[in-house]
């Protein structure tokens, strides 16, 4: 499949990886995850090089993964370190791939490309997810039967909200607003704002619950940021007209999309809020309703879109573009350039062969 390899993807929430083997397919590669006795996460190819048995059906023994078929054991570097058969000779070819991992923001991140380029500083900063901040976080995970790039399109696009998400998120003035595209280092922002207007239904409800009744109109905003390879973060909020954003209600959200196959994706999401911080019931309501709304309003359309498009290349279908597509088109073209550069580098003759 076509996807950037040299970049950090979320492989799992950290609490998903335990001492028991767990399989996840990422960029069409079957990977087994587990933790060593000191709590360090490990990611290895899940296919034993002997008879190709799936290692995720094996067990962890003394910080190694043991093949369920013939008992070969592989350490965290991917080297075979034990063979229970015969004289116990370990063939030199008995090695599997090990993937760089790091943990941040409650998630385990994986690098699928050149291990020497696995620089943790390339993970974007999300200050609102740091401990001790004035934000309440709710997170979740879903699988989506659609290519990761269509999910990115959907998350950057504000224009569909008034149609697909109904009264709860609809703001007519926001639908009429221009999408402003901005670059921040290697990130791309797509921003919309509406001034002096009734807020979307959700913020009206949340304002009344957290601060009581109000008079007048509000300033609302919806900003989406893309970071390579497929990391989306958002600021959405409302403040009383004439007041700065900091005085209003806001959610800061993360949508980390990890390609599984060419037609399926892992979707890790976080919603952080700056209101009703001690409301446990609201946490559960956000978790349940967010997943229900995504499944009922976004997922079915993305999967139907995938079924319609199939494996055709996006630009080859000559999509008609609207003014609201400014953000998604800018992100797509930036990603296309990164993908082309990576393919050129991968196909270039090495220094030793030059």
Protein backbone atom coordinates (compact mmCIF):
# COMPACT_ATOMS: atom_id res chain seq x y z
CA UNK A 1 0.00 0.00 0.00
CA UNK A 2 1.05 3.61 -0.51
CA UNK A 3 1.75 5.26 2.82
CA UNK A 4 4.62 7.13 4.41
CA UNK A 5 6.87 4.80 6.34
CA UNK A 6 9.25 7.33 7.84
CA UNK A 7 6.95 8.84 10.41
CA UNK A 8 5.44 8.07 13.80
CA UNK A 9 2.09 6.28 13.95
CA UNK A 10 0.09 5.41 17.02
CA UNK A 11 0.21 1.64 17.35
CA UNK A 12 -1.94 1.32 20.48
CA UNK A 13 -2.99 3.03 23.65
CA UNK A 14 -0.29 2.21 26.18
CA UNK A 15 -2.69 0.26 28.37
CA UNK A 16 -3.46 -2.05 25.45
CA UNK A 17 0.07 -3.48 25.51
CA UNK A 18 0.66 -5.94 28.33
CA UNK A 19 2.84 -8.96 29.09
CA UNK A 20 0.54 -11.03 26.86
CA UNK A 21 1.22 -10.96 23.09
CA UNK A 22 -1.11 -8.71 21.09
CA UNK A 23 -1.29 -8.51 17.31
CA UNK A 24 -2.06 -5.42 15.26
CA UNK A 25 -1.73 -4.96 11.49
CA UNK A 26 -0.07 -1.66 10.53
CA UNK A 27 0.74 -0.71 6.93
CA UNK A 28 -0.19 -4.29 6.01
CA UNK A 29 2.48 -5.66 8.34
CA UNK A 30 1.44 -8.11 11.07
CA UNK A 31 3.14 -7.00 14.27
CA UNK A 32 3.15 -8.58 17.72
CA UNK A 33 3.39 -6.33 20.77
CA UNK A 34 4.21 -7.20 24.37
CA UNK A 35 5.95 -5.76 27.43
CA UNK A 36 9.11 -7.01 29.07
CA UNK A 37 9.39 -7.47 32.84
CA UNK A 38 10.59 -3.88 33.29
CA UNK A 39 7.53 -2.56 31.45
CA UNK A 40 9.24 -1.69 28.16
CA UNK A 41 7.07 -2.20 25.06
CA UNK A 42 8.33 -4.42 22.24
CA UNK A 43 7.16 -4.62 18.62
CA UNK A 44 8.27 -7.47 16.38
CA UNK A 45 7.19 -8.98 13.09
CA UNK A 46 4.54 -11.51 13.99
CA UNK A 47 5.69 -14.14 11.48
CA UNK A 48 8.18 -16.78 12.56
CA UNK A 49 10.87 -17.23 9.84
CA UNK A 50 10.86 -21.03 10.31
CA UNK A 51 7.40 -22.23 9.23
CA UNK A 52 5.71 -18.79 9.29
CA UNK A 53 3.61 -19.44 12.36
CA UNK A 54 1.97 -16.33 13.90
CA UNK A 55 3.96 -15.33 16.95
CA UNK A 56 1.00 -13.53 18.49
CA UNK A 57 -0.35 -17.02 19.29
CA UNK A 58 2.82 -17.73 21.25
CA UNK A 59 3.75 -16.63 24.75
CA UNK A 60 6.23 -14.35 26.45
CA UNK A 61 9.04 -16.24 28.20
CA UNK A 62 11.79 -14.33 30.03
CA UNK A 63 11.23 -11.18 27.94
CA UNK A 64 11.26 -13.14 24.66
CA UNK A 65 8.38 -14.19 22.42
CA UNK A 66 8.16 -17.96 21.97
CA UNK A 67 6.82 -19.40 18.74
CA UNK A 68 3.74 -21.57 19.37
CA UNK A 69 4.83 -24.11 16.73
CA UNK A 70 8.42 -25.19 17.40
CA UNK A 71 9.36 -23.05 20.37
CA UNK A 72 11.95 -20.75 18.83
CA UNK A 73 12.35 -17.67 21.03
CA UNK A 74 13.07 -14.15 19.80
CA UNK A 75 14.30 -11.29 21.94
CA UNK A 76 13.27 -7.62 21.71
CA UNK A 77 15.82 -6.98 18.95
CA UNK A 78 14.29 -9.72 16.80
CA UNK A 79 17.21 -12.12 17.20
CA UNK A 80 16.47 -15.80 17.82
CA UNK A 81 18.07 -16.65 21.14
CA UNK A 82 16.79 -20.15 21.85
CA UNK A 83 15.98 -23.34 19.91
CA UNK A 84 14.60 -26.21 22.00
CA UNK A 85 15.09 -28.78 19.22
CA UNK A 86 18.05 -31.15 18.98
CA UNK A 87 21.38 -29.59 19.87
CA UNK A 88 19.75 -26.19 20.22
CA UNK A 89 21.65 -24.64 17.34
CA UNK A 90 20.23 -21.25 16.34
CA UNK A 91 20.51 -20.56 12.58
CA UNK A 92 21.96 -17.18 11.70
CA UNK A 93 18.92 -16.49 9.52
CA UNK A 94 16.59 -16.88 12.48
CA UNK A 95 15.78 -13.22 12.91
CA UNK A 96 12.65 -11.11 12.62
CA UNK A 97 12.17 -7.39 12.27
CA UNK A 98 12.05 -5.20 15.34
CA UNK A 99 10.29 -1.83 15.19
CA UNK A 100 11.25 1.32 17.14
CA UNK A 101 8.68 2.30 19.76
CA UNK A 102 8.22 5.21 22.11
CA UNK A 103 5.49 6.15 24.57
CA UNK A 104 3.95 9.58 24.84
CA UNK A 105 0.53 11.03 25.68
CA UNK A 106 -0.71 7.66 26.90
CA UNK A 107 -0.06 6.07 23.52
CA UNK A 108 2.60 3.78 22.09
CA UNK A 109 4.07 5.14 18.85
CA UNK A 110 5.73 3.02 16.16
CA UNK A 111 8.18 3.86 13.37
CA UNK A 112 7.61 1.70 10.29
CA UNK A 113 10.47 2.96 8.11
CA UNK A 114 14.24 3.31 8.31
CA UNK A 115 15.11 2.72 11.96
CA UNK A 116 18.06 5.13 11.82
CA UNK A 117 15.63 7.97 11.07
CA UNK A 118 13.36 7.28 14.04
CA UNK A 119 13.59 10.67 15.73
CA UNK A 120 11.15 11.12 18.63
CA UNK A 121 11.29 14.90 18.21
CA UNK A 122 9.17 14.43 15.08
CA UNK A 123 6.14 13.59 17.23
CA UNK A 124 4.05 16.79 17.42
CA UNK A 125 3.61 18.52 20.76
CA UNK A 126 0.16 18.39 22.33
CA UNK A 127 0.51 20.52 25.50
CA UNK A 128 -3.10 20.00 26.53
CA UNK A 129 -2.37 16.29 26.92
CA UNK A 130 0.45 16.82 29.41
CA UNK A 131 -0.30 15.90 33.06
CA UNK A 132 -1.39 18.72 35.32
CA UNK A 133 -3.04 20.85 32.64
CA UNK A 134 -6.44 22.44 32.94
CA UNK A 135 -7.99 19.97 30.53
CA UNK A 136 -10.13 16.89 31.03
CA UNK A 137 -9.37 14.11 28.55
CA UNK A 138 -11.57 11.37 27.14
CA UNK A 139 -10.15 8.92 24.60
CA UNK A 140 -11.14 5.93 22.49
CA UNK A 141 -10.32 3.65 19.60
CA UNK A 142 -12.24 2.46 16.54
CA UNK A 143 -11.49 0.57 13.35
CA UNK A 144 -12.76 2.06 10.11
CA UNK A 145 -13.19 0.22 6.80
CA UNK A 146 -11.73 3.04 4.72
CA UNK A 147 -8.36 4.23 3.47
CA UNK A 148 -6.60 6.49 5.94
CA UNK A 149 -6.44 9.39 3.49
CA UNK A 150 -10.21 9.65 3.21
CA UNK A 151 -10.39 9.80 7.00
CA UNK A 152 -7.82 12.62 6.99
CA UNK A 153 -9.91 14.46 4.39
CA UNK A 154 -12.96 14.10 6.61
CA UNK A 155 -11.20 15.39 9.71
CA UNK A 156 -9.73 18.45 8.01
CA UNK A 157 -13.01 19.31 6.27
CA UNK A 158 -15.41 21.65 8.12
CA UNK A 159 -17.82 22.04 5.21
CA UNK A 160 -19.52 18.69 5.78
CA UNK A 161 -20.37 19.34 9.44
CA UNK A 162 -23.62 21.22 8.87
CA UNK A 163 -24.91 18.50 6.55
CA UNK A 164 -23.68 15.29 8.12
CA UNK A 165 -23.76 16.19 11.82
CA UNK A 166 -27.09 17.98 12.12
CA UNK A 167 -28.25 20.50 14.68
CA UNK A 168 -25.85 19.54 17.46
CA UNK A 169 -22.81 20.80 15.56
CA UNK A 170 -24.42 22.91 12.87
CA UNK A 171 -23.62 26.64 12.71
CA UNK A 172 -25.00 28.27 9.52
CA UNK A 173 -22.57 31.18 9.78
CA UNK A 174 -19.67 28.73 9.99
CA UNK A 175 -20.91 27.00 6.81
CA UNK A 176 -20.68 30.33 4.99
CA UNK A 177 -17.23 31.17 6.36
CA UNK A 178 -14.07 30.99 4.27
CA UNK A 179 -11.54 28.26 4.99
CA UNK A 180 -8.20 29.90 5.81
CA UNK A 181 -5.14 27.72 5.22
CA UNK A 182 -1.97 28.45 7.18
CA UNK A 183 1.39 26.72 7.49
CA UNK A 184 3.20 26.34 10.80
CA UNK A 185 6.62 24.75 10.27
CA UNK A 186 5.72 21.39 8.67
CA UNK A 187 2.10 21.46 9.86
CA UNK A 188 -0.88 22.71 7.87
CA UNK A 189 -3.87 24.44 9.48
CA UNK A 190 -7.36 24.74 7.99
CA UNK A 191 -9.33 27.32 9.98
CA UNK A 192 -12.85 28.66 10.01
CA UNK A 193 -14.52 31.14 12.33
CA UNK A 194 -17.89 32.83 12.59
CA UNK A 195 -18.48 36.11 14.43
CA UNK A 196 -21.58 37.46 16.15
CA UNK A 197 -23.72 34.37 15.64
CA UNK A 198 -25.72 31.84 17.67
CA UNK A 199 -23.33 29.02 18.66
CA UNK A 200 -23.70 25.41 17.55
CA UNK A 201 -26.23 23.50 19.64
CA UNK A 202 -23.57 21.54 21.54
CA UNK A 203 -21.80 24.66 22.81
CA UNK A 204 -25.11 26.29 23.71
CA UNK A 205 -25.96 23.25 25.86
CA UNK A 206 -22.49 23.04 27.43
CA UNK A 207 -22.42 26.78 28.18
CA UNK A 208 -25.74 26.66 29.98
CA UNK A 209 -24.70 23.57 31.96
CA UNK A 210 -21.31 24.96 33.00
CA UNK A 211 -21.94 28.72 33.25
CA UNK A 212 -25.67 29.29 33.19
CA UNK A 213 -27.79 31.37 30.85
CA UNK A 214 -26.26 34.05 28.65
CA UNK A 215 -27.40 36.87 26.42
CA UNK A 216 -26.27 37.81 22.96
CA UNK A 217 -24.28 36.00 20.34
CA UNK A 218 -20.95 34.20 20.23
CA UNK A 219 -17.75 33.91 18.28
CA UNK A 220 -17.19 30.29 17.22
CA UNK A 221 -14.17 28.62 15.68
CA UNK A 222 -13.08 25.31 14.20
CA UNK A 223 -9.38 24.83 13.46
CA UNK A 224 -7.84 21.59 12.17
CA UNK A 225 -4.10 20.90 12.00
CA UNK A 226 -2.41 18.14 10.00
CA UNK A 227 1.00 16.77 10.88
CA UNK A 228 2.66 14.05 8.84
CA UNK A 229 2.02 11.29 8.39
CA UNK A 230 -1.65 11.20 9.46
CA UNK A 231 -2.07 13.11 12.70
CA UNK A 232 -4.94 15.59 13.05
CA UNK A 233 -5.53 17.93 15.98
CA UNK A 234 -8.38 20.39 16.35
CA UNK A 235 -9.44 23.43 18.33
CA UNK A 236 -13.20 23.99 18.43
CA UNK A 237 -14.94 26.47 20.70
CA UNK A 238 -17.23 29.40 21.38
CA UNK A 239 -16.83 32.64 23.34
CA UNK A 240 -19.22 35.50 23.94
CA UNK A 241 -19.00 38.10 21.19
CA UNK A 242 -16.23 40.58 21.89
CA UNK A 243 -14.45 38.35 24.39
CA UNK A 244 -11.14 36.50 23.72
CA UNK A 245 -11.11 32.78 23.05
CA UNK A 246 -9.53 32.08 26.42
CA UNK A 247 -12.77 33.14 28.14
CA UNK A 248 -14.90 30.70 26.21
CA UNK A 249 -15.55 26.97 26.08
CA UNK A 250 -13.16 24.95 23.97
CA UNK A 251 -12.31 21.39 23.08
CA UNK A 252 -8.88 20.39 21.85
CA UNK A 253 -9.05 17.10 20.03
CA UNK A 254 -6.62 14.59 18.55
CA UNK A 255 -7.44 12.20 15.75
CA UNK A 256 -4.54 9.86 15.10
CA UNK A 257 -5.15 7.71 12.04
CA UNK A 258 -2.93 4.68 11.47
CA UNK A 259 -3.25 2.75 8.19
CA UNK A 260 -4.06 -0.92 8.67
CA UNK A 261 -4.45 -1.90 5.00
CA UNK A 262 -5.26 0.00 1.84
CA UNK A 263 -8.94 -0.10 2.76
CA UNK A 264 -8.96 -0.09 6.57
CA UNK A 265 -7.57 2.10 9.35
CA UNK A 266 -7.03 2.35 13.08
CA UNK A 267 -8.58 5.49 14.56
CA UNK A 268 -7.37 6.74 17.94
CA UNK A 269 -9.23 9.79 19.26
CA UNK A 270 -8.95 12.20 22.18
CA UNK A 271 -11.36 14.93 23.25
CA UNK A 272 -10.01 17.42 25.81
CA UNK A 273 -12.29 20.06 27.34
CA UNK A 274 -11.77 23.12 29.54
CA UNK A 275 -15.18 23.00 31.22
CA UNK A 276 -17.02 20.74 33.70
CA UNK A 277 -13.64 19.28 34.65
CA UNK A 278 -14.91 17.21 37.58
CA UNK A 279 -17.91 15.69 35.83
CA UNK A 280 -17.29 11.95 35.54
CA UNK A 281 -20.72 11.37 34.05
CA UNK A 282 -19.89 13.78 31.23
CA UNK A 283 -16.74 11.77 30.49
CA UNK A 284 -18.82 8.69 29.89
CA UNK A 285 -21.41 10.63 27.90
CA UNK A 286 -18.71 12.08 25.66
CA UNK A 287 -17.16 8.65 25.12
CA UNK A 288 -20.44 6.94 24.28
CA UNK A 289 -21.88 9.75 22.16
CA UNK A 290 -18.64 10.46 20.29
CA UNK A 291 -18.34 6.87 19.14
CA UNK A 292 -22.07 6.62 18.39
CA UNK A 293 -22.01 9.81 16.32
CA UNK A 294 -18.87 8.78 14.45
CA UNK A 295 -20.27 5.35 13.63
CA UNK A 296 -23.72 6.63 12.68
CA UNK A 297 -22.68 9.81 10.89
CA UNK A 298 -19.09 9.50 9.64
CA UNK A 299 -18.10 5.87 9.47
CA UNK A 300 -20.92 4.62 7.27
CA UNK A 301 -20.20 7.37 4.73
CA UNK A 302 -16.44 6.78 4.74
CA UNK A 303 -16.93 3.06 4.24
CA UNK A 304 -19.51 3.66 1.49
CA UNK A 305 -17.09 6.08 -0.14
CA UNK A 306 -14.35 3.45 0.04
CA UNK A 307 -16.62 0.87 -1.58
CA UNK A 308 -17.44 3.34 -4.37
CA UNK A 309 -13.86 4.44 -5.03
CA UNK A 310 -12.20 1.06 -4.62
CA UNK A 311 -8.49 1.16 -5.37
CA UNK A 312 -8.63 4.05 -7.83
CA UNK A 313 -6.19 6.90 -7.25
CA UNK A 314 -7.88 10.05 -5.96
CA UNK A 315 -6.62 12.58 -8.51
CA UNK A 316 -7.15 10.19 -11.42
CA UNK A 317 -10.90 10.50 -10.81
CA UNK A 318 -10.70 14.28 -11.44
CA UNK A 319 -12.63 15.36 -8.33
CA UNK A 320 -14.71 18.52 -8.57
CA UNK A 321 -13.42 20.99 -6.01
CA UNK A 322 -15.36 23.50 -3.89
CA UNK A 323 -14.11 26.50 -1.90
CA UNK A 324 -14.37 24.48 1.30
CA UNK A 325 -11.80 22.00 -0.01
CA UNK A 326 -8.88 24.40 0.44
CA UNK A 327 -7.59 22.62 3.54
CA UNK A 328 -8.04 19.05 2.35
CA UNK A 329 -6.47 19.78 -1.05
CA UNK A 330 -3.45 21.50 0.54
CA UNK A 331 -2.93 18.56 2.88
CA UNK A 332 -3.32 16.01 0.09
CA UNK A 333 -0.78 17.75 -2.10
CA UNK A 334 1.69 18.11 0.76
CA UNK A 335 1.33 14.41 1.56
CA UNK A 336 1.74 13.49 -2.13
CA UNK A 337 5.05 15.39 -2.20
CA UNK A 338 6.32 13.65 0.94
CA UNK A 339 5.31 10.26 -0.46
CA UNK A 340 7.02 10.94 -3.78
CA UNK A 341 10.20 12.10 -2.01
CA UNK A 342 10.24 8.96 0.13
CA UNK A 343 9.79 6.72 -2.91
CA UNK A 344 12.63 8.48 -4.75
CA UNK A 345 14.92 8.08 -1.73
CA UNK A 346 13.99 4.41 -1.36
CA UNK A 347 14.79 3.71 -5.00
CA UNK A 348 18.02 5.70 -5.12
CA UNK A 349 21.23 3.64 -5.39
CA UNK A 350 23.03 3.40 -2.06
CA UNK A 351 26.46 4.91 -1.56
CA UNK A 352 28.02 1.46 -1.57
CA UNK A 353 26.46 0.66 -4.95
CA UNK A 354 27.12 4.05 -6.56
